[in-house]
């Protein structure tokens, strides 16, 4: 597992998600641990290194 820190698109607090490096491309929804709003995260790994990470609001 890989812990990636980023800024929540709702409350702007720094939070982190645990990402599975064994899955090369993944998109999933997880709630912000601070404001509880849902965040869609997309991650891509190359050779178990994070190559791309993006988050977006789900319009709650």
N, C-alpha and C. Protein backbone atom coordinates (compact mmCIF):
# COMPACT_ATOMS: atom_id res chain seq x y z
N UNK A 1 0.84 -1.19 0.00
CA UNK A 1 0.00 0.00 0.00
C UNK A 1 0.89 1.26 0.00
N UNK A 2 0.34 2.29 -0.61
CA UNK A 2 1.06 3.56 -0.75
C UNK A 2 0.16 4.66 -0.20
N UNK A 3 0.65 5.45 0.75
CA UNK A 3 -0.13 6.56 1.30
C UNK A 3 0.20 7.82 0.53
N UNK A 4 -0.83 8.40 -0.08
CA UNK A 4 -0.65 9.61 -0.88
C UNK A 4 -1.39 10.77 -0.21
N UNK A 5 -0.67 11.85 0.06
CA UNK A 5 -1.24 13.05 0.68
C UNK A 5 -1.63 14.05 -0.41
N UNK A 6 -2.78 14.71 -0.21
CA UNK A 6 -3.27 15.70 -1.17
C UNK A 6 -4.25 16.62 -0.46
N UNK A 7 -4.71 17.65 -1.16
CA UNK A 7 -5.65 18.63 -0.61
C UNK A 7 -7.07 18.27 -1.01
N UNK A 8 -7.98 18.22 -0.03
CA UNK A 8 -9.39 17.93 -0.30
C UNK A 8 -9.97 19.03 -1.19
N UNK A 9 -10.70 18.66 -2.26
CA UNK A 9 -11.27 19.67 -3.14
C UNK A 9 -12.46 20.42 -2.53
N UNK A 10 -12.94 19.98 -1.38
CA UNK A 10 -14.06 20.65 -0.70
C UNK A 10 -13.57 21.59 0.40
N UNK A 11 -12.83 21.03 1.36
CA UNK A 11 -12.47 21.82 2.56
C UNK A 11 -11.01 22.30 2.53
N UNK A 12 -10.25 21.88 1.55
CA UNK A 12 -8.86 22.28 1.32
C UNK A 12 -7.89 21.80 2.41
N UNK A 13 -8.32 20.90 3.27
CA UNK A 13 -7.42 20.33 4.27
C UNK A 13 -6.55 19.26 3.62
N UNK A 14 -5.35 19.08 4.15
CA UNK A 14 -4.49 18.01 3.64
C UNK A 14 -4.95 16.69 4.25
N UNK A 15 -5.22 15.72 3.39
CA UNK A 15 -5.64 14.39 3.81
C UNK A 15 -4.83 13.37 3.02
N UNK A 16 -5.08 12.09 3.30
CA UNK A 16 -4.37 11.06 2.55
C UNK A 16 -5.30 9.89 2.25
N UNK A 17 -5.02 9.20 1.18
CA UNK A 17 -5.69 7.95 0.82
C UNK A 17 -4.61 6.88 0.73
N UNK A 18 -4.98 5.65 1.06
CA UNK A 18 -4.10 4.52 0.84
C UNK A 18 -4.41 3.93 -0.53
N UNK A 19 -3.39 3.80 -1.34
CA UNK A 19 -3.54 3.29 -2.71
C UNK A 19 -2.85 1.94 -2.83
N UNK A 20 -3.46 1.04 -3.57
CA UNK A 20 -2.92 -0.29 -3.79
C UNK A 20 -1.99 -0.27 -4.99
N UNK A 21 -0.69 -0.41 -4.77
CA UNK A 21 0.29 -0.32 -5.86
C UNK A 21 0.24 -1.53 -6.80
N UNK A 22 -0.45 -2.59 -6.40
CA UNK A 22 -0.53 -3.77 -7.26
C UNK A 22 -1.59 -3.62 -8.36
N UNK A 23 -2.40 -2.56 -8.30
CA UNK A 23 -3.42 -2.28 -9.32
C UNK A 23 -2.91 -1.08 -10.12
N UNK A 24 -2.60 -1.29 -11.39
CA UNK A 24 -1.95 -0.24 -12.18
C UNK A 24 -2.83 0.97 -12.45
N UNK A 25 -4.14 0.77 -12.64
CA UNK A 25 -5.08 1.89 -12.83
C UNK A 25 -6.28 1.67 -11.94
N UNK A 26 -6.65 2.70 -11.19
CA UNK A 26 -7.78 2.56 -10.28
C UNK A 26 -8.54 3.87 -10.14
N UNK A 27 -9.85 3.76 -10.03
CA UNK A 27 -10.73 4.89 -9.76
C UNK A 27 -11.72 4.44 -8.70
N UNK A 28 -11.85 5.22 -7.65
CA UNK A 28 -12.76 4.85 -6.59
C UNK A 28 -13.23 6.09 -5.86
N UNK A 29 -14.24 5.92 -5.00
CA UNK A 29 -14.81 7.02 -4.22
C UNK A 29 -14.54 6.76 -2.75
N UNK A 30 -14.06 7.79 -2.08
CA UNK A 30 -13.81 7.72 -0.64
C UNK A 30 -14.17 9.07 -0.04
N UNK A 31 -14.67 9.06 1.18
CA UNK A 31 -15.04 10.31 1.86
C UNK A 31 -13.82 10.98 2.47
N UNK A 32 -13.83 12.31 2.45
CA UNK A 32 -12.79 13.09 3.12
C UNK A 32 -12.89 12.81 4.62
N UNK A 33 -11.75 12.57 5.26
CA UNK A 33 -11.74 12.28 6.69
C UNK A 33 -12.02 13.52 7.54
N UNK A 34 -11.99 14.72 6.95
CA UNK A 34 -12.24 15.96 7.69
C UNK A 34 -13.69 16.42 7.50
N UNK A 35 -14.12 16.59 6.24
CA UNK A 35 -15.45 17.17 5.98
C UNK A 35 -16.49 16.13 5.55
N UNK A 36 -16.08 14.90 5.35
CA UNK A 36 -16.96 13.76 5.01
C UNK A 36 -17.60 13.83 3.63
N UNK A 37 -17.19 14.74 2.77
CA UNK A 37 -17.72 14.79 1.41
C UNK A 37 -17.05 13.72 0.54
N UNK A 38 -17.78 13.17 -0.44
CA UNK A 38 -17.22 12.12 -1.29
C UNK A 38 -16.26 12.68 -2.34
N UNK A 39 -15.14 11.99 -2.50
CA UNK A 39 -14.10 12.39 -3.45
C UNK A 39 -13.85 11.22 -4.39
N UNK A 40 -13.86 11.49 -5.69
CA UNK A 40 -13.49 10.47 -6.66
C UNK A 40 -11.99 10.59 -6.93
N UNK A 41 -11.27 9.52 -6.68
CA UNK A 41 -9.82 9.51 -6.86
C UNK A 41 -9.46 8.59 -8.03
N UNK A 42 -8.54 9.04 -8.86
CA UNK A 42 -8.00 8.24 -9.95
C UNK A 42 -6.49 8.19 -9.79
N UNK A 43 -5.95 6.97 -9.80
CA UNK A 43 -4.51 6.79 -9.64
C UNK A 43 -4.00 5.81 -10.70
N UNK A 44 -2.79 6.09 -11.17
CA UNK A 44 -2.12 5.19 -12.12
C UNK A 44 -0.70 4.96 -11.62
N UNK A 45 -0.29 3.70 -11.65
CA UNK A 45 1.04 3.31 -11.23
C UNK A 45 1.81 2.71 -12.40
N UNK A 46 3.10 3.04 -12.49
CA UNK A 46 4.03 2.41 -13.43
C UNK A 46 5.14 1.79 -12.60
N UNK A 47 5.31 0.47 -12.72
CA UNK A 47 6.34 -0.23 -11.94
C UNK A 47 6.21 0.06 -10.44
N UNK A 48 5.00 0.07 -9.96
CA UNK A 48 4.65 0.30 -8.56
C UNK A 48 5.05 1.68 -8.04
N UNK A 49 5.23 2.65 -8.96
CA UNK A 49 5.46 4.04 -8.59
C UNK A 49 4.29 4.87 -9.10
N UNK A 50 3.82 5.79 -8.28
CA UNK A 50 2.68 6.62 -8.65
C UNK A 50 3.05 7.52 -9.83
N UNK A 51 2.35 7.35 -10.95
CA UNK A 51 2.62 8.14 -12.16
C UNK A 51 1.58 9.24 -12.35
N UNK A 52 0.38 9.05 -11.81
CA UNK A 52 -0.71 10.02 -12.00
C UNK A 52 -1.66 9.90 -10.83
N UNK A 53 -2.13 11.05 -10.33
CA UNK A 53 -3.14 11.05 -9.28
C UNK A 53 -4.00 12.29 -9.46
N UNK A 54 -5.32 12.11 -9.41
CA UNK A 54 -6.24 13.23 -9.55
C UNK A 54 -7.47 12.96 -8.69
N UNK A 55 -8.04 14.02 -8.13
CA UNK A 55 -9.28 13.90 -7.38
C UNK A 55 -10.27 14.93 -7.90
N UNK A 56 -11.56 14.61 -7.75
CA UNK A 56 -12.59 15.57 -8.13
C UNK A 56 -13.78 15.44 -7.22
N UNK A 57 -14.51 16.53 -7.11
CA UNK A 57 -15.75 16.58 -6.32
C UNK A 57 -16.83 15.78 -7.04
N UNK A 58 -17.77 15.26 -6.26
CA UNK A 58 -18.90 14.55 -6.85
C UNK A 58 -20.20 15.35 -6.78
N UNK A 59 -20.10 16.65 -6.50
CA UNK A 59 -21.24 17.53 -6.57
C UNK A 59 -22.28 17.33 -5.49
N UNK A 60 -21.86 17.03 -4.30
CA UNK A 60 -22.78 16.83 -3.17
C UNK A 60 -23.28 18.14 -2.62
